[in-house]
PDB file of N, CA and C in Angstrom:
ATOM      1  N   MET A   1    -103.428 138.732 -84.620  1.00  0.00           N
ATOM      2  CA  MET A   1    -103.767 138.736 -86.039  1.00  0.00           C
ATOM      3  C   MET A   1    -105.184 139.263 -86.208  1.00  0.00           C
ATOM      4  N   LEU A   2    -105.348 140.110 -87.168  1.00  0.00           N
ATOM      5  CA  LEU A   2    -106.663 140.641 -87.478  1.00  0.00           C
ATOM      6  C   LEU A   2    -107.146 140.027 -88.777  1.00  0.00           C
ATOM      7  N   TYR A   3    -108.314 139.410 -88.715  1.00  0.00           N
ATOM      8  CA  TYR A   3    -108.906 138.800 -89.898  1.00  0.00           C
ATOM      9  C   TYR A   3    -110.158 139.589 -90.238  1.00  0.00           C
ATOM     10  N   ALA A   4    -110.177 140.240 -91.392  1.00  0.00           N
ATOM     11  CA  ALA A   4    -111.291 141.111 -91.738  1.00  0.00           C
ATOM     12  C   ALA A   4    -111.906 140.704 -93.066  1.00  0.00           C
ATOM     13  N   SER A   5    -113.230 140.747 -93.113  1.00  0.00           N
ATOM     14  CA  SER A   5    -113.952 140.569 -94.361  1.00  0.00           C
ATOM     15  C   SER A   5    -114.845 141.794 -94.555  1.00  0.00           C
ATOM     16  N   GLU A   6    -115.763 141.743 -95.508  1.00  0.00           N
ATOM     17  CA  GLU A   6    -116.597 142.910 -95.777  1.00  0.00           C
ATOM     18  C   GLU A   6    -117.424 143.318 -94.563  1.00  0.00           C
ATOM     19  N   ASP A   7    -117.924 142.351 -93.821  1.00  0.00           N
ATOM     20  CA  ASP A   7    -118.827 142.673 -92.721  1.00  0.00           C
ATOM     21  C   ASP A   7    -118.400 142.079 -91.387  1.00  0.00           C
ATOM     22  N   GLN A   8    -117.199 141.501 -91.313  1.00  0.00           N
ATOM     23  CA  GLN A   8    -116.761 140.869 -90.079  1.00  0.00           C
ATOM     24  C   GLN A   8    -115.285 141.147 -89.836  1.00  0.00           C
ATOM     25  N   ALA A   9    -114.912 141.146 -88.565  1.00  0.00           N
ATOM     26  CA  ALA A   9    -113.507 141.288 -88.194  1.00  0.00           C
ATOM     27  C   ALA A   9    -113.227 140.397 -86.998  1.00  0.00           C
ATOM     28  N   TYR A  10    -112.137 139.652 -87.053  1.00  0.00           N
ATOM     29  CA  TYR A  10    -111.767 138.746 -85.975  1.00  0.00           C
ATOM     30  C   TYR A  10    -110.353 139.064 -85.515  1.00  0.00           C
ATOM     31  N   VAL A  11    -110.134 139.001 -84.210  1.00  0.00           N
ATOM     32  CA  VAL A  11    -108.797 139.186 -83.667  1.00  0.00           C
ATOM     33  C   VAL A  11    -108.256 137.822 -83.283  1.00  0.00           C
ATOM     34  N   LEU A  12    -107.129 137.435 -83.892  1.00  0.00           N
ATOM     35  CA  LEU A  12    -106.517 136.147 -83.608  1.00  0.00           C
ATOM     36  C   LEU A  12    -105.203 136.363 -82.885  1.00  0.00           C
ATOM     37  N   SER A  13    -104.747 135.345 -82.176  1.00  0.00           N
ATOM     38  CA  SER A  13    -103.561 135.496 -81.330  1.00  0.00           C
ATOM     39  C   SER A  13    -102.286 135.194 -82.103  1.00  0.00           C
ATOM     40  N   GLU A  14    -101.739 136.234 -82.739  1.00  0.00           N
ATOM     41  CA  GLU A  14    -100.436 136.110 -83.394  1.00  0.00           C
ATOM     42  C   GLU A  14     -99.866 137.507 -83.558  1.00  0.00           C
ATOM     43  N   ASP A  15     -98.683 137.746 -83.027  1.00  0.00           N
ATOM     44  CA  ASP A  15     -98.104 139.088 -83.017  1.00  0.00           C
ATOM     45  C   ASP A  15     -96.799 139.139 -83.790  1.00  0.00           C
ATOM     46  N   CYS A  16     -96.483 140.336 -84.261  1.00  0.00           N
ATOM     47  CA  CYS A  16     -95.176 140.601 -84.840  1.00  0.00           C
ATOM     48  C   CYS A  16     -94.254 141.089 -83.733  1.00  0.00           C
ATOM     49  N   THR A  17     -92.998 141.249 -84.070  1.00  0.00           N
ATOM     50  CA  THR A  17     -92.079 141.858 -83.123  1.00  0.00           C
ATOM     51  C   THR A  17     -92.380 143.346 -83.018  1.00  0.00           C
ATOM     52  N   THR A  18     -92.097 143.923 -81.851  1.00  0.00           N
ATOM     53  CA  THR A  18     -92.366 145.346 -81.654  1.00  0.00           C
ATOM     54  C   THR A  18     -91.345 146.193 -82.395  1.00  0.00           C
ATOM     55  N   GLY A  19     -91.672 147.473 -82.591  1.00  0.00           N
ATOM     56  CA  GLY A  19     -90.757 148.376 -83.277  1.00  0.00           C
ATOM     57  C   GLY A  19     -91.422 149.052 -84.455  1.00  0.00           C
ATOM     58  N   SER A  20     -90.629 149.711 -85.281  1.00  0.00           N
ATOM     59  CA  SER A  20     -91.161 150.364 -86.466  1.00  0.00           C
ATOM     60  C   SER A  20     -91.393 149.323 -87.562  1.00  0.00           C
ATOM     61  N   LEU A  21     -91.772 149.794 -88.728  1.00  0.00           N
ATOM     62  CA  LEU A  21     -92.072 148.883 -89.840  1.00  0.00           C
ATOM     63  C   LEU A  21     -90.797 148.191 -90.294  1.00  0.00           C
ATOM     64  N   VAL A  22     -90.617 146.958 -89.851  1.00  0.00           N
ATOM     65  CA  VAL A  22     -89.381 146.223 -90.117  1.00  0.00           C
ATOM     66  C   VAL A  22     -89.585 145.195 -91.213  1.00  0.00           C
ATOM     67  N   GLU A  23     -90.742 144.576 -91.222  1.00  0.00           N
ATOM     68  CA  GLU A  23     -90.942 143.448 -92.121  1.00  0.00           C
ATOM     69  C   GLU A  23     -92.340 143.481 -92.713  1.00  0.00           C
ATOM     70  N   GLU A  24     -92.433 143.204 -93.989  1.00  0.00           N
ATOM     71  CA  GLU A  24     -93.729 143.027 -94.634  1.00  0.00           C
ATOM     72  C   GLU A  24     -93.741 141.651 -95.272  1.00  0.00           C
ATOM     73  N   THR A  25     -94.605 140.806 -94.788  1.00  0.00           N
ATOM     74  CA  THR A  25     -94.690 139.457 -95.315  1.00  0.00           C
ATOM     75  C   THR A  25     -95.995 139.304 -96.084  1.00  0.00           C
ATOM     76  N   PHE A  26     -95.865 139.004 -97.361  1.00  0.00           N
ATOM     77  CA  PHE A  26     -97.043 138.828 -98.188  1.00  0.00           C
ATOM     78  C   PHE A  26     -97.225 137.347 -98.509  1.00  0.00           C
ATOM     79  N   ALA A  27     -98.328 136.801 -98.120  1.00  0.00           N
ATOM     80  CA  ALA A  27     -98.617 135.410 -98.430  1.00  0.00           C
ATOM     81  C   ALA A  27     -99.929 135.351 -99.205  1.00  0.00           C
ATOM     82  N   ASN A  28     -99.847 134.960-100.443  1.00  0.00           N
ATOM     83  CA  ASN A  28    -101.041 134.859-101.274  1.00  0.00           C
ATOM     84  C   ASN A  28    -101.564 133.428-101.240  1.00  0.00           C
ATOM     85  N   LEU A  29    -102.748 133.262-100.728  1.00  0.00           N
ATOM     86  CA  LEU A  29    -103.350 131.939-100.624  1.00  0.00           C
ATOM     87  C   LEU A  29    -104.724 131.967-101.267  1.00  0.00           C
ATOM     88  N   GLU A  30    -104.990 130.964-102.077  1.00  0.00           N
ATOM     89  CA  GLU A  30    -106.318 130.857-102.666  1.00  0.00           C
ATOM     90  C   GLU A  30    -107.158 129.889-101.852  1.00  0.00           C
ATOM     91  N   GLN A  31    -108.305 130.350-101.410  1.00  0.00           N
ATOM     92  CA  GLN A  31    -109.218 129.494-100.664  1.00  0.00           C
ATOM     93  C   GLN A  31    -110.635 130.009-100.883  1.00  0.00           C
ATOM     94  N   GLU A  32    -111.477 129.177-101.403  1.00  0.00           N
ATOM     95  CA  GLU A  32    -112.868 129.517-101.667  1.00  0.00           C
ATOM     96  C   GLU A  32    -112.985 130.794-102.496  1.00  0.00           C
ATOM     97  N   ASN A  33    -112.224 130.851-103.591  1.00  0.00           N
ATOM     98  CA  ASN A  33    -112.256 131.965-104.536  1.00  0.00           C
ATOM     99  C   ASN A  33    -111.869 133.295-103.919  1.00  0.00           C
ATOM    100  N   GLU A  34    -111.015 133.269-102.893  1.00  0.00           N
ATOM    101  CA  GLU A  34    -110.527 134.502-102.290  1.00  0.00           C
ATOM    102  C   GLU A  34    -109.005 134.475-102.213  1.00  0.00           C
ATOM    103  N   VAL A  35    -108.406 135.632-102.302  1.00  0.00           N
ATOM    104  CA  VAL A  35    -106.960 135.750-102.184  1.00  0.00           C
ATOM    105  C   VAL A  35    -106.649 136.406-100.845  1.00  0.00           C
ATOM    106  N   PHE A  36    -105.826 135.723-100.049  1.00  0.00           N
ATOM    107  CA  PHE A  36    -105.475 136.233 -98.733  1.00  0.00           C
ATOM    108  C   PHE A  36    -104.086 136.862 -98.798  1.00  0.00           C
ATOM    109  N   VAL A  37    -103.986 138.101 -98.409  1.00  0.00           N
ATOM    110  CA  VAL A  37    -102.706 138.795 -98.394  1.00  0.00           C
ATOM    111  C   VAL A  37    -102.345 139.088 -96.943  1.00  0.00           C
ATOM    112  N   LYS A  38    -101.287 138.455 -96.472  1.00  0.00           N
ATOM    113  CA  LYS A  38    -100.860 138.658 -95.090  1.00  0.00           C
ATOM    114  C   LYS A  38     -99.753 139.708 -95.055  1.00  0.00           C
ATOM    115  N   VAL A  39     -99.970 140.746 -94.286  1.00  0.00           N
ATOM    116  CA  VAL A  39     -99.002 141.823 -94.182  1.00  0.00           C
ATOM    117  C   VAL A  39     -98.626 141.995 -92.723  1.00  0.00           C
ATOM    118  N   CYS A  40     -97.343 141.904 -92.444  1.00  0.00           N
ATOM    119  CA  CYS A  40     -96.864 142.089 -91.081  1.00  0.00           C
ATOM    120  C   CYS A  40     -96.449 143.539 -90.890  1.00  0.00           C
ATOM    121  N   LEU A  41     -97.200 144.276 -90.092  1.00  0.00           N
ATOM    122  CA  LEU A  41     -96.874 145.664 -89.811  1.00  0.00           C
ATOM    123  C   LEU A  41     -96.482 145.782 -88.349  1.00  0.00           C
ATOM    124  N   THR A  42     -95.187 145.876 -88.090  1.00  0.00           N
ATOM    125  CA  THR A  42     -94.729 145.913 -86.706  1.00  0.00           C
ATOM    126  C   THR A  42     -95.041 147.249 -86.040  1.00  0.00           C
ATOM    127  N   VAL A  43     -95.377 148.242 -86.832  1.00  0.00           N
ATOM    128  CA  VAL A  43     -95.702 149.550 -86.260  1.00  0.00           C
ATOM    129  C   VAL A  43     -96.978 149.470 -85.430  1.00  0.00           C
ATOM    130  N   VAL A  44     -97.859 148.523 -85.738  1.00  0.00           N
ATOM    131  CA  VAL A  44     -99.055 148.317 -84.940  1.00  0.00           C
ATOM    132  C   VAL A  44     -98.953 147.046 -84.113  1.00  0.00           C
ATOM    133  N   ASP A  45     -97.817 146.382 -84.199  1.00  0.00           N
ATOM    134  CA  ASP A  45     -97.496 145.232 -83.359  1.00  0.00           C
ATOM    135  C   ASP A  45     -98.474 144.077 -83.502  1.00  0.00           C
ATOM    136  N   ASP A  46     -99.004 143.867 -84.683  1.00  0.00           N
ATOM    137  CA  ASP A  46     -99.725 142.626 -84.953  1.00  0.00           C
ATOM    138  C   ASP A  46     -99.913 142.429 -86.453  1.00  0.00           C
ATOM    139  N   PHE A  47    -100.419 141.258 -86.801  1.00  0.00           N
ATOM    140  CA  PHE A  47    -100.620 140.938 -88.205  1.00  0.00           C
ATOM    141  C   PHE A  47    -101.951 141.498 -88.688  1.00  0.00           C
ATOM    142  N   LEU A  48    -101.921 142.063 -89.867  1.00  0.00           N
ATOM    143  CA  LEU A  48    -103.152 142.482 -90.510  1.00  0.00           C
ATOM    144  C   LEU A  48    -103.378 141.588 -91.718  1.00  0.00           C
ATOM    145  N   VAL A  49    -104.550 141.017 -91.820  1.00  0.00           N
ATOM    146  CA  VAL A  49    -104.872 140.163 -92.959  1.00  0.00           C
ATOM    147  C   VAL A  49    -105.964 140.841 -93.764  1.00  0.00           C
ATOM    148  N   MET A  50    -105.638 141.161 -95.003  1.00  0.00           N
ATOM    149  CA  MET A  50    -106.602 141.794 -95.876  1.00  0.00           C
ATOM    150  C   MET A  50    -107.098 140.780 -96.895  1.00  0.00           C
ATOM    151  N   ILE A  51    -108.398 140.687 -97.037  1.00  0.00           N
ATOM    152  CA  ILE A  51    -108.979 139.740 -97.988  1.00  0.00           C
ATOM    153  C   ILE A  51    -109.370 140.491 -99.255  1.00  0.00           C
ATOM    154  N   ILE A  52    -108.828 140.040-100.369  1.00  0.00           N
ATOM    155  CA  ILE A  52    -109.140 140.635-101.664  1.00  0.00           C
ATOM    156  C   ILE A  52    -109.809 139.567-102.522  1.00  0.00           C
ATOM    157  N   SER A  53    -110.973 139.882-103.048  1.00  0.00           N
ATOM    158  CA  SER A  53    -111.683 138.891-103.858  1.00  0.00           C
ATOM    159  C   SER A  53    -110.900 138.590-105.120  1.00  0.00           C
ATOM    160  N   ALA A  54    -110.850 137.300-105.472  1.00  0.00           N
ATOM    161  CA  ALA A  54    -110.049 136.869-106.621  1.00  0.00           C
ATOM    162  C   ALA A  54    -110.772 137.173-107.919  1.00  0.00           C
TER     163      ALA A  54
END
């Protein structure tokens, strides 16, 4: 799992299944005035987490 903010990026241990783009999972979570959008891109074989300010 990749956790990215404006000035930081963290790699966390969580993978998708291998293969082409099979699944996109969007999870909107509010925490500390931020919206977390989780997108599973199997084409890169891991989770990408994009943080969008609320």
